[in-house]
Amino acid sequence: MTKQEIVDNVSKATGLTKVETEVVMNGIMALIIDALSRNERVELRGFGTFSVKHRQPKKARNPGTGEIIYLKERYVPTFKPAKKMRLKVLNTLK
C-alpha cells in the first residue's frame, strides 16, 4: 500500500478532502521524524513505537567481493509493533 492509497482510504472514511488528508498525514510524518531526530521515542498505542538505536562501529564484510569494511558508529530509526498489531497480522496471515 502506498501513501497515496492511504490518503485515498482515509479521505473516504473521514469525509475530508484528499488534499486535507494529505496535509494531515504529512504533518504526522514530519512530527515523527522531528521527534526521532531529537532522539525521542514516539509511541502510538495499539500501533507501535518508533525510536532511535545506537549502533557501535564494527568490522563487516562486503558479501559481493569479500572485502573487509569498517562501519562507523551510527544511529538508526527502528519500529517495534504493538502486541495488538503483531497478533492481528499473525492471525490474518495464517
N, C-alpha and C. Protein backbone atom coordinates (compact mmCIF):
# COMPACT_ATOMS: atom_id res chain seq x y z
N MET A 1 0.85 -1.17 0.00
CA MET A 1 0.00 0.00 0.00
C MET A 1 0.90 1.24 0.00
N THR A 2 0.57 2.19 -0.86
CA THR A 2 1.35 3.42 -0.95
C THR A 2 0.73 4.52 -0.09
N LYS A 3 1.49 5.59 0.07
CA LYS A 3 1.00 6.73 0.82
C LYS A 3 -0.28 7.28 0.18
N GLN A 4 -0.32 7.34 -1.13
CA GLN A 4 -1.49 7.87 -1.82
C GLN A 4 -2.72 6.99 -1.59
N GLU A 5 -2.54 5.68 -1.55
CA GLU A 5 -3.66 4.77 -1.27
C GLU A 5 -4.17 4.98 0.16
N ILE A 6 -3.26 5.22 1.09
CA ILE A 6 -3.68 5.51 2.47
C ILE A 6 -4.48 6.80 2.51
N VAL A 7 -3.98 7.83 1.83
CA VAL A 7 -4.69 9.12 1.77
C VAL A 7 -6.08 8.94 1.19
N ASP A 8 -6.19 8.17 0.10
CA ASP A 8 -7.50 7.93 -0.53
C ASP A 8 -8.46 7.24 0.44
N ASN A 9 -7.99 6.20 1.12
CA ASN A 9 -8.85 5.45 2.04
C ASN A 9 -9.26 6.28 3.25
N VAL A 10 -8.32 7.02 3.82
CA VAL A 10 -8.65 7.86 4.98
C VAL A 10 -9.60 8.98 4.56
N SER A 11 -9.39 9.52 3.39
CA SER A 11 -10.26 10.58 2.88
C SER A 11 -11.71 10.09 2.75
N LYS A 12 -11.88 8.89 2.20
CA LYS A 12 -13.23 8.31 2.07
C LYS A 12 -13.85 8.05 3.44
N ALA A 13 -13.04 7.54 4.38
CA ALA A 13 -13.56 7.17 5.70
C ALA A 13 -13.92 8.38 6.56
N THR A 14 -13.21 9.50 6.37
CA THR A 14 -13.42 10.66 7.25
C THR A 14 -14.26 11.75 6.63
N GLY A 15 -14.38 11.75 5.32
CA GLY A 15 -15.11 12.83 4.66
C GLY A 15 -14.25 14.05 4.38
N LEU A 16 -12.98 14.01 4.76
CA LEU A 16 -12.07 15.10 4.43
C LEU A 16 -11.68 14.99 2.96
N THR A 17 -11.25 16.10 2.39
CA THR A 17 -10.77 16.04 1.01
C THR A 17 -9.42 15.34 1.00
N LYS A 18 -9.01 14.89 -0.17
CA LYS A 18 -7.71 14.23 -0.30
C LYS A 18 -6.58 15.19 0.04
N VAL A 19 -6.73 16.45 -0.34
CA VAL A 19 -5.71 17.46 -0.04
C VAL A 19 -5.58 17.65 1.47
N GLU A 20 -6.71 17.77 2.17
CA GLU A 20 -6.69 17.94 3.63
C GLU A 20 -6.08 16.71 4.31
N THR A 21 -6.46 15.54 3.83
CA THR A 21 -5.94 14.30 4.41
C THR A 21 -4.44 14.20 4.20
N GLU A 22 -3.96 14.57 3.03
CA GLU A 22 -2.52 14.51 2.76
C GLU A 22 -1.75 15.51 3.62
N VAL A 23 -2.32 16.68 3.86
CA VAL A 23 -1.68 17.68 4.72
C VAL A 23 -1.55 17.12 6.14
N VAL A 24 -2.61 16.50 6.63
CA VAL A 24 -2.58 15.90 7.97
C VAL A 24 -1.53 14.79 8.03
N MET A 25 -1.53 13.92 7.04
CA MET A 25 -0.58 12.81 7.02
C MET A 25 0.86 13.30 6.96
N ASN A 26 1.11 14.30 6.12
CA ASN A 26 2.46 14.87 6.03
C ASN A 26 2.87 15.49 7.36
N GLY A 27 1.92 16.13 8.04
CA GLY A 27 2.20 16.73 9.34
C GLY A 27 2.57 15.68 10.38
N ILE A 28 1.83 14.58 10.39
CA ILE A 28 2.10 13.50 11.33
C ILE A 28 3.49 12.92 11.07
N MET A 29 3.80 12.65 9.81
CA MET A 29 5.10 12.08 9.48
C MET A 29 6.23 13.05 9.83
N ALA A 30 6.03 14.33 9.59
CA ALA A 30 7.05 15.33 9.93
C ALA A 30 7.29 15.38 11.43
N LEU A 31 6.21 15.30 12.22
CA LEU A 31 6.36 15.30 13.68
C LEU A 31 7.13 14.08 14.17
N ILE A 32 6.85 12.93 13.60
CA ILE A 32 7.56 11.70 13.98
C ILE A 32 9.04 11.83 13.63
N ILE A 33 9.34 12.31 12.44
CA ILE A 33 10.74 12.48 12.01
C ILE A 33 11.46 13.48 12.91
N ASP A 34 10.80 14.60 13.23
CA ASP A 34 11.41 15.61 14.11
C ASP A 34 11.70 15.03 15.49
N ALA A 35 10.76 14.28 16.04
CA ALA A 35 10.95 13.68 17.36
C ALA A 35 12.12 12.69 17.33
N LEU A 36 12.21 11.87 16.30
CA LEU A 36 13.30 10.91 16.19
C LEU A 36 14.64 11.62 16.04
N SER A 37 14.65 12.74 15.33
CA SER A 37 15.91 13.48 15.16
C SER A 37 16.38 14.09 16.47
N ARG A 38 15.47 14.25 17.45
CA ARG A 38 15.82 14.72 18.79
C ARG A 38 16.03 13.54 19.74
N ASN A 39 16.10 12.33 19.18
CA ASN A 39 16.30 11.10 19.94
C ASN A 39 15.17 10.83 20.92
N GLU A 40 13.95 11.20 20.57
CA GLU A 40 12.77 10.94 21.39
C GLU A 40 12.03 9.72 20.84
N ARG A 41 11.36 9.00 21.74
CA ARG A 41 10.50 7.88 21.33
C ARG A 41 9.14 8.42 20.92
N VAL A 42 8.52 7.77 19.96
CA VAL A 42 7.16 8.10 19.55
C VAL A 42 6.33 6.84 19.72
N GLU A 43 5.38 6.88 20.65
CA GLU A 43 4.55 5.72 20.94
C GLU A 43 3.13 5.98 20.47
N LEU A 44 2.65 5.11 19.59
CA LEU A 44 1.27 5.16 19.11
C LEU A 44 0.59 3.91 19.63
N ARG A 45 -0.16 4.05 20.71
CA ARG A 45 -0.78 2.90 21.38
C ARG A 45 -1.62 2.08 20.40
N GLY A 46 -1.43 0.78 20.45
CA GLY A 46 -2.16 -0.12 19.57
C GLY A 46 -1.51 -0.26 18.20
N PHE A 47 -0.53 0.58 17.89
CA PHE A 47 0.15 0.53 16.60
C PHE A 47 1.61 0.12 16.78
N GLY A 48 2.37 0.92 17.55
CA GLY A 48 3.77 0.58 17.77
C GLY A 48 4.58 1.77 18.25
N THR A 49 5.88 1.54 18.39
CA THR A 49 6.78 2.56 18.90
C THR A 49 7.93 2.78 17.94
N PHE A 50 8.17 4.04 17.61
CA PHE A 50 9.32 4.44 16.82
C PHE A 50 10.39 4.91 17.79
N SER A 51 11.64 4.52 17.55
CA SER A 51 12.73 5.00 18.39
C SER A 51 14.01 5.00 17.56
N VAL A 52 15.09 5.48 18.19
CA VAL A 52 16.40 5.53 17.53
C VAL A 52 17.35 4.65 18.32
N LYS A 53 18.05 3.76 17.62
CA LYS A 53 19.03 2.89 18.27
C LYS A 53 20.43 3.29 17.86
N HIS A 54 21.32 3.20 18.82
CA HIS A 54 22.73 3.50 18.58
C HIS A 54 23.42 2.20 18.16
N ARG A 55 24.16 2.24 17.08
CA ARG A 55 24.91 1.08 16.61
C ARG A 55 26.41 1.38 16.78
N GLN A 56 27.11 0.49 17.43
CA GLN A 56 28.55 0.64 17.64
C GLN A 56 29.29 0.43 16.32
N PRO A 57 30.48 1.01 16.20
CA PRO A 57 31.28 0.73 14.99
C PRO A 57 31.66 -0.75 14.97
N LYS A 58 31.75 -1.30 13.77
CA LYS A 58 32.11 -2.72 13.69
C LYS A 58 32.76 -3.05 12.36
N LYS A 59 33.44 -4.19 12.36
CA LYS A 59 34.06 -4.69 11.15
C LYS A 59 33.03 -5.57 10.44
N ALA A 60 32.90 -5.41 9.14
CA ALA A 60 31.94 -6.19 8.36
C ALA A 60 32.62 -6.67 7.07
N ARG A 61 31.88 -7.41 6.28
CA ARG A 61 32.43 -7.94 5.04
C ARG A 61 31.45 -7.65 3.90
N ASN A 62 31.99 -7.17 2.79
CA ASN A 62 31.20 -6.96 1.59
C ASN A 62 30.88 -8.35 1.02
N PRO A 63 29.59 -8.74 0.96
CA PRO A 63 29.27 -10.10 0.50
C PRO A 63 29.62 -10.35 -0.96
N GLY A 64 29.67 -9.30 -1.76
CA GLY A 64 29.98 -9.48 -3.18
C GLY A 64 31.46 -9.70 -3.44
N THR A 65 32.31 -8.93 -2.76
CA THR A 65 33.75 -9.00 -3.03
C THR A 65 34.52 -9.71 -1.93
N GLY A 66 33.91 -9.85 -0.76
CA GLY A 66 34.61 -10.46 0.37
C GLY A 66 35.53 -9.48 1.08
N GLU A 67 35.58 -8.25 0.58
CA GLU A 67 36.45 -7.22 1.16
C GLU A 67 35.96 -6.84 2.57
N ILE A 68 36.90 -6.67 3.49
CA ILE A 68 36.56 -6.25 4.85
C ILE A 68 36.37 -4.73 4.84
N ILE A 69 35.26 -4.29 5.45
CA ILE A 69 34.98 -2.85 5.56
C ILE A 69 34.69 -2.53 7.02
N TYR A 70 34.86 -1.28 7.36
CA TYR A 70 34.61 -0.84 8.73
C TYR A 70 33.42 0.10 8.73
N LEU A 71 32.40 -0.26 9.49
CA LEU A 71 31.20 0.57 9.60
C LEU A 71 31.36 1.51 10.77
N LYS A 72 31.07 2.78 10.54
CA LYS A 72 31.19 3.79 11.59
C LYS A 72 30.03 3.67 12.58
N GLU A 73 30.22 4.31 13.71
CA GLU A 73 29.14 4.44 14.69
C GLU A 73 27.98 5.16 14.00
N ARG A 74 26.76 4.73 14.29
CA ARG A 74 25.62 5.36 13.62
C ARG A 74 24.37 5.23 14.48
N TYR A 75 23.37 5.98 14.12
CA TYR A 75 22.06 5.94 14.77
C TYR A 75 21.04 5.57 13.71
N VAL A 76 20.20 4.59 14.01
CA VAL A 76 19.23 4.13 13.03
C VAL A 76 17.82 4.16 13.62
N PRO A 77 16.84 4.61 12.83
CA PRO A 77 15.46 4.59 13.31
C PRO A 77 14.95 3.15 13.33
N THR A 78 14.16 2.83 14.35
CA THR A 78 13.59 1.49 14.46
C THR A 78 12.10 1.59 14.75
N PHE A 79 11.39 0.51 14.48
CA PHE A 79 9.96 0.45 14.77
C PHE A 79 9.67 -0.89 15.43
N LYS A 80 8.96 -0.85 16.54
CA LYS A 80 8.54 -2.07 17.22
C LYS A 80 7.02 -2.08 17.23
N PRO A 81 6.40 -3.05 16.55
CA PRO A 81 4.94 -3.08 16.50
C PRO A 81 4.34 -3.40 17.87
N ALA A 82 3.15 -2.86 18.11
CA ALA A 82 2.42 -3.14 19.34
C ALA A 82 1.92 -4.59 19.31
N LYS A 83 1.67 -5.14 20.47
CA LYS A 83 1.20 -6.52 20.58
C LYS A 83 -0.09 -6.71 19.78
N LYS A 84 -1.00 -5.74 19.87
CA LYS A 84 -2.28 -5.82 19.15
C LYS A 84 -2.04 -5.94 17.64
N MET A 85 -1.11 -5.15 17.11
CA MET A 85 -0.81 -5.20 15.67
C MET A 85 -0.16 -6.53 15.30
N ARG A 86 0.81 -6.96 16.10
CA ARG A 86 1.50 -8.22 15.83
C ARG A 86 0.51 -9.38 15.77
N LEU A 87 -0.38 -9.45 16.74
CA LEU A 87 -1.34 -10.54 16.78
C LEU A 87 -2.32 -10.48 15.61
N LYS A 88 -2.76 -9.30 15.24
CA LYS A 88 -3.68 -9.15 14.11
C LYS A 88 -3.03 -9.63 12.82
N VAL A 89 -1.78 -9.22 12.58
CA VAL A 89 -1.07 -9.63 11.37
C VAL A 89 -0.81 -11.13 11.40
N LEU A 90 -0.38 -11.64 12.53
CA LEU A 90 -0.11 -13.06 12.67
C LEU A 90 -1.35 -13.90 12.39
N ASN A 91 -2.48 -13.52 12.98
CA ASN A 91 -3.71 -14.28 12.80
C ASN A 91 -4.28 -14.15 11.40
N THR A 92 -4.06 -13.01 10.76
CA THR A 92 -4.58 -12.79 9.41
C THR A 92 -3.77 -13.59 8.37
N LEU A 93 -2.46 -13.71 8.59
CA LEU A 93 -1.61 -14.36 7.59
C LEU A 93 -1.50 -15.88 7.76
N LYS A 94 -2.14 -16.44 8.76
CA LYS A 94 -2.10 -17.91 8.97
C LYS A 94 -2.91 -18.63 7.93
